[in-house]
Structures are given as C-alpha cells and as structure tokens.
Amino acid sequence: MSQTILPGKGKQFRNCNRTACQSPDGVVFWNRATRAYYCRTCADLILQNCTDEEREQIFPDYNENIVVYKTMQRTIRHAKQIF
C-alpha cells in the first residue's frame, strides 16, 4: 500500500521528511545527509544508535533545534489557552 506524499514533505515548519510520519509538528531538525527536515520524534529515531560525533554530522544544529522546538511547543500551548 502506497502512502500519499504531502507537498510540504521535508520542508522546514511543514511536514516531516519520513514518509511513514509526515507530521506537521516541530519540523525544525535539518538532516545534512538527506538535505531535508524532520520532526523531533523522527530525528531522535534516526539518532538513537549514533555517537555524538555521528549526531553532529547528521543533524549539525540538533541542540539549537531543540531550543526552537521547545519555543514552538510553548507558543502553541499558549495560543490554545487564549483561543
């Protein structure tokens, strides 16, 4: 069974590049090897068996992206409280 590929797949702030996921949430993790963006869950899955050095090669801005991701999540929670 084939999956629908969303138009924003792999684009920052759009949809995760992992076809099985394609989540629109927190897509800020740039993968240097695939030249695409991933959500935090998929980025962590990709990195689960990697060394720190490998992590730096695959997701060079991972730590900075965590800050962006957490800020996005706080903003979303705050917006939901307002509306």
Protein backbone atom coordinates (compact mmCIF):
# COMPACT_ATOMS: atom_id res chain seq x y z
CA MET A 1 0.00 0.00 0.00
CA SER A 2 1.50 3.33 -1.03
CA GLN A 3 1.37 6.42 1.14
CA THR A 4 0.39 9.87 -0.03
CA ILE A 5 3.36 12.20 -0.18
CA LEU A 6 2.39 15.60 1.18
CA PRO A 7 3.57 18.69 -0.74
CA GLY A 8 5.45 20.07 2.29
CA LYS A 9 7.36 16.83 2.98
CA GLY A 10 10.86 17.60 4.24
CA LYS A 11 10.33 21.38 4.32
CA GLN A 12 11.03 23.43 7.45
CA PHE A 13 7.88 24.12 9.53
CA ARG A 14 5.85 21.97 7.09
CA ASN A 15 5.94 18.15 7.18
CA CYS A 16 8.50 15.62 8.43
CA ASN A 17 10.59 14.05 5.67
CA ARG A 18 10.00 10.49 6.95
CA THR A 19 7.26 9.11 4.68
CA ALA A 20 5.77 6.98 7.47
CA CYS A 21 5.38 10.12 9.61
CA GLN A 22 4.99 13.38 7.64
CA SER A 23 3.94 15.09 10.89
CA PRO A 24 3.47 18.87 10.72
CA ASP A 25 4.60 19.31 14.34
CA GLY A 26 8.02 20.72 15.21
CA VAL A 27 9.67 20.13 11.84
CA VAL A 28 12.90 22.02 12.53
CA PHE A 29 15.58 19.31 12.52
CA TRP A 30 17.76 19.65 9.39
CA ASN A 31 19.41 16.40 8.27
CA ARG A 32 22.60 17.18 6.38
CA ALA A 33 22.72 13.78 4.67
CA THR A 34 19.17 13.85 3.24
CA ARG A 35 19.01 17.65 2.95
CA ALA A 36 15.53 17.65 4.48
CA TYR A 37 13.76 18.49 7.75
CA TYR A 38 12.40 16.06 10.34
CA CYS A 39 10.16 16.26 13.41
CA ARG A 40 11.82 15.67 16.79
CA THR A 41 10.46 12.13 17.14
CA CYS A 42 11.91 11.02 13.80
CA ALA A 43 15.19 12.89 14.35
CA ASP A 44 15.56 11.06 17.66
CA LEU A 45 14.75 7.72 15.98
CA ILE A 46 17.45 8.35 13.38
CA LEU A 47 19.95 9.23 16.12
CA GLN A 48 19.11 6.52 18.65
CA ASN A 49 22.19 4.39 17.92
CA CYS A 50 24.57 7.20 16.90
CA THR A 51 27.61 8.53 18.69
CA ASP A 52 27.83 12.26 19.49
CA GLU A 53 30.20 12.68 16.55
CA GLU A 54 27.77 10.98 14.17
CA ARG A 55 24.91 13.12 15.55
CA GLU A 56 26.90 16.25 14.75
CA GLN A 57 27.43 15.03 11.19
CA ILE A 58 23.79 14.06 10.60
CA PHE A 59 21.98 16.84 12.50
CA PRO A 60 24.66 19.55 12.95
CA ASP A 61 22.29 22.02 14.65
CA TYR A 62 20.41 19.49 16.82
CA ASN A 63 20.93 21.31 20.15
CA GLU A 64 19.89 24.67 18.69
CA ASN A 65 16.88 23.00 17.07
CA ILE A 66 15.77 21.66 20.46
CA VAL A 67 15.51 25.28 21.68
CA VAL A 68 13.43 26.24 18.62
CA TYR A 69 11.24 23.13 19.04
CA LYS A 70 10.56 23.86 22.73
CA THR A 71 9.75 27.51 21.96
CA MET A 72 7.30 26.40 19.26
CA GLN A 73 5.61 23.97 21.68
CA ARG A 74 5.24 26.68 24.36
CA THR A 75 3.80 29.10 21.80
CA ILE A 76 1.27 26.51 20.61
CA ARG A 77 0.20 25.71 24.19
CA HIS A 78 -0.18 29.41 24.95
CA ALA A 79 -2.21 30.03 21.78
CA LYS A 80 -4.55 27.14 22.67
CA GLN A 81 -5.16 28.70 26.09
CA ILE A 82 -6.05 32.06 24.53
CA PHE A 83 -8.41 30.67 21.91
